[in-house]
Amino acid sequence: MIAPTLAPLKYLQAYPPALQEQVQQLIVQNRLEAYLKQRYPERHAVQSDKALYAYALALKQEHLRNAPSIDKVYLITVWT
């Protein structure tokens, strides 16, 4: 059987290949959501792109006052 070719894990490119492979396997086995829920049972307060943008903007204003404005912020939701 030929293994399916998965898209590269855009947000994990800086992590070691072994970790990327573990994540790929969890995705293939459809177990990533269960793993993340077990590992992080408490959901954080940021649940939308708008809330994430506001949070990131507040951090920027507090710590990076002279940095250029934030262009885009994306929230990745694994479970609902």
C-alpha atoms as a PDB file:
ATOM      1  CA  MET A   1       0.000   0.000   0.000  1.00  0.00           C
ATOM      2  CA  ILE A   2       1.292   3.461  -0.888  1.00  0.00           C
ATOM      3  CA  ALA A   3       1.244   5.970   1.951  1.00  0.00           C
ATOM      4  CA  PRO A   4      -0.672   9.145   1.182  1.00  0.00           C
ATOM      5  CA  THR A   5       1.372  12.274   0.620  1.00  0.00           C
ATOM      6  CA  LEU A   6       0.491  14.850   3.227  1.00  0.00           C
ATOM      7  CA  ALA A   7       0.931  18.577   2.876  1.00  0.00           C
ATOM      8  CA  PRO A   8       3.872  20.031   4.780  1.00  0.00           C
ATOM      9  CA  LEU A   9       3.066  21.182   8.297  1.00  0.00           C
ATOM     10  CA  LYS A  10       3.416  24.927   7.715  1.00  0.00           C
ATOM     11  CA  TYR A  11       3.442  25.936  11.379  1.00  0.00           C
ATOM     12  CA  LEU A  12       5.839  23.172  12.448  1.00  0.00           C
ATOM     13  CA  GLN A  13       8.608  23.662   9.876  1.00  0.00           C
ATOM     14  CA  ALA A  14      11.117  24.858  12.513  1.00  0.00           C
ATOM     15  CA  TYR A  15      10.581  21.762  14.672  1.00  0.00           C
ATOM     16  CA  PRO A  16      12.695  18.595  14.375  1.00  0.00           C
ATOM     17  CA  PRO A  17      11.685  16.107  11.648  1.00  0.00           C
ATOM     18  CA  ALA A  18      10.931  13.451  14.298  1.00  0.00           C
ATOM     19  CA  LEU A  19       8.311  15.692  15.922  1.00  0.00           C
ATOM     20  CA  GLN A  20       6.812  16.574  12.538  1.00  0.00           C
ATOM     21  CA  GLU A  21       6.544  12.850  11.777  1.00  0.00           C
ATOM     22  CA  GLN A  22       4.750  12.220  15.079  1.00  0.00           C
ATOM     23  CA  VAL A  23       2.225  14.937  14.258  1.00  0.00           C
ATOM     24  CA  GLN A  24       1.766  13.554  10.733  1.00  0.00           C
ATOM     25  CA  GLN A  25       1.048  10.111  12.185  1.00  0.00           C
ATOM     26  CA  LEU A  26      -1.536  11.537  14.595  1.00  0.00           C
ATOM     27  CA  ILE A  27      -3.203  13.293  11.657  1.00  0.00           C
ATOM     28  CA  VAL A  28      -3.235  10.149   9.522  1.00  0.00           C
ATOM     29  CA  GLN A  29      -4.661   8.113  12.424  1.00  0.00           C
ATOM     30  CA  ASN A  30      -7.225  10.863  13.121  1.00  0.00           C
ATOM     31  CA  ARG A  31      -5.967  11.092  16.725  1.00  0.00           C
ATOM     32  CA  LEU A  32      -4.542  14.627  16.838  1.00  0.00           C
ATOM     33  CA  GLU A  33      -7.677  16.187  18.356  1.00  0.00           C
ATOM     34  CA  ALA A  34      -7.885  13.563  21.121  1.00  0.00           C
ATOM     35  CA  TYR A  35      -4.173  13.965  21.871  1.00  0.00           C
ATOM     36  CA  LEU A  36      -4.421  17.735  22.134  1.00  0.00           C
ATOM     37  CA  LYS A  37      -7.552  17.559  24.308  1.00  0.00           C
ATOM     38  CA  GLN A  38      -5.783  15.142  26.664  1.00  0.00           C
ATOM     39  CA  ARG A  39      -2.591  17.193  26.752  1.00  0.00           C
ATOM     40  CA  TYR A  40      -4.344  20.573  27.089  1.00  0.00           C
ATOM     41  CA  PRO A  41      -7.774  19.980  28.701  1.00  0.00           C
ATOM     42  CA  GLU A  42      -8.367  23.672  29.435  1.00  0.00           C
ATOM     43  CA  ARG A  43      -9.198  25.780  26.400  1.00  0.00           C
ATOM     44  CA  HIS A  44      -7.761  29.272  26.308  1.00  0.00           C
ATOM     45  CA  ALA A  45      -9.917  32.386  26.130  1.00  0.00           C
ATOM     46  CA  VAL A  46      -8.936  33.284  22.549  1.00  0.00           C
ATOM     47  CA  GLN A  47     -11.510  31.513  20.374  1.00  0.00           C
ATOM     48  CA  SER A  48     -11.769  33.675  17.242  1.00  0.00           C
ATOM     49  CA  ASP A  49      -9.569  35.514  14.757  1.00  0.00           C
ATOM     50  CA  LYS A  50     -10.882  38.827  16.098  1.00  0.00           C
ATOM     51  CA  ALA A  51      -9.992  37.932  19.694  1.00  0.00           C
ATOM     52  CA  LEU A  52      -6.561  36.678  18.627  1.00  0.00           C
ATOM     53  CA  TYR A  53      -5.915  39.884  16.678  1.00  0.00           C
ATOM     54  CA  ALA A  54      -6.872  41.993  19.712  1.00  0.00           C
ATOM     55  CA  TYR A  55      -4.599  39.902  21.947  1.00  0.00           C
ATOM     56  CA  ALA A  56      -1.668  40.124  19.510  1.00  0.00           C
ATOM     57  CA  LEU A  57      -2.200  43.876  19.078  1.00  0.00           C
ATOM     58  CA  ALA A  58      -2.198  44.400  22.862  1.00  0.00           C
ATOM     59  CA  LEU A  59       1.094  42.455  23.127  1.00  0.00           C
ATOM     60  CA  LYS A  60       2.579  44.516  20.297  1.00  0.00           C
ATOM     61  CA  GLN A  61       1.522  47.794  21.902  1.00  0.00           C
ATOM     62  CA  GLU A  62       2.963  46.727  25.236  1.00  0.00           C
ATOM     63  CA  HIS A  63       6.284  45.293  24.057  1.00  0.00           C
ATOM     64  CA  LEU A  64       6.933  46.437  20.473  1.00  0.00           C
ATOM     65  CA  ARG A  65       5.745  50.021  20.274  1.00  0.00           C
ATOM     66  CA  ASN A  66       8.043  50.963  17.374  1.00  0.00           C
ATOM     67  CA  ALA A  67       7.340  47.843  15.288  1.00  0.00           C
ATOM     68  CA  PRO A  68       5.192  48.087  12.161  1.00  0.00           C
ATOM     69  CA  SER A  69       1.494  47.357  12.494  1.00  0.00           C
ATOM     70  CA  ILE A  70       0.214  43.789  12.473  1.00  0.00           C
ATOM     71  CA  ASP A  71      -0.971  42.671   9.048  1.00  0.00           C
ATOM     72  CA  LYS A  72      -2.722  39.351   9.675  1.00  0.00           C
ATOM     73  CA  VAL A  73      -3.406  37.014  12.573  1.00  0.00           C
ATOM     74  CA  TYR A  74      -4.823  33.508  12.135  1.00  0.00           C
ATOM     75  CA  LEU A  75      -6.451  31.255  14.686  1.00  0.00           C
ATOM     76  CA  ILE A  76      -6.204  27.537  14.010  1.00  0.00           C
ATOM     77  CA  THR A  77      -9.028  25.599  15.623  1.00  0.00           C
ATOM     78  CA  VAL A  78      -8.494  21.879  16.030  1.00  0.00           C
ATOM     79  CA  TRP A  79     -11.742  21.030  17.803  1.00  0.00           C
ATOM     80  CA  THR A  80     -15.109  22.670  18.160  1.00  0.00           C
END
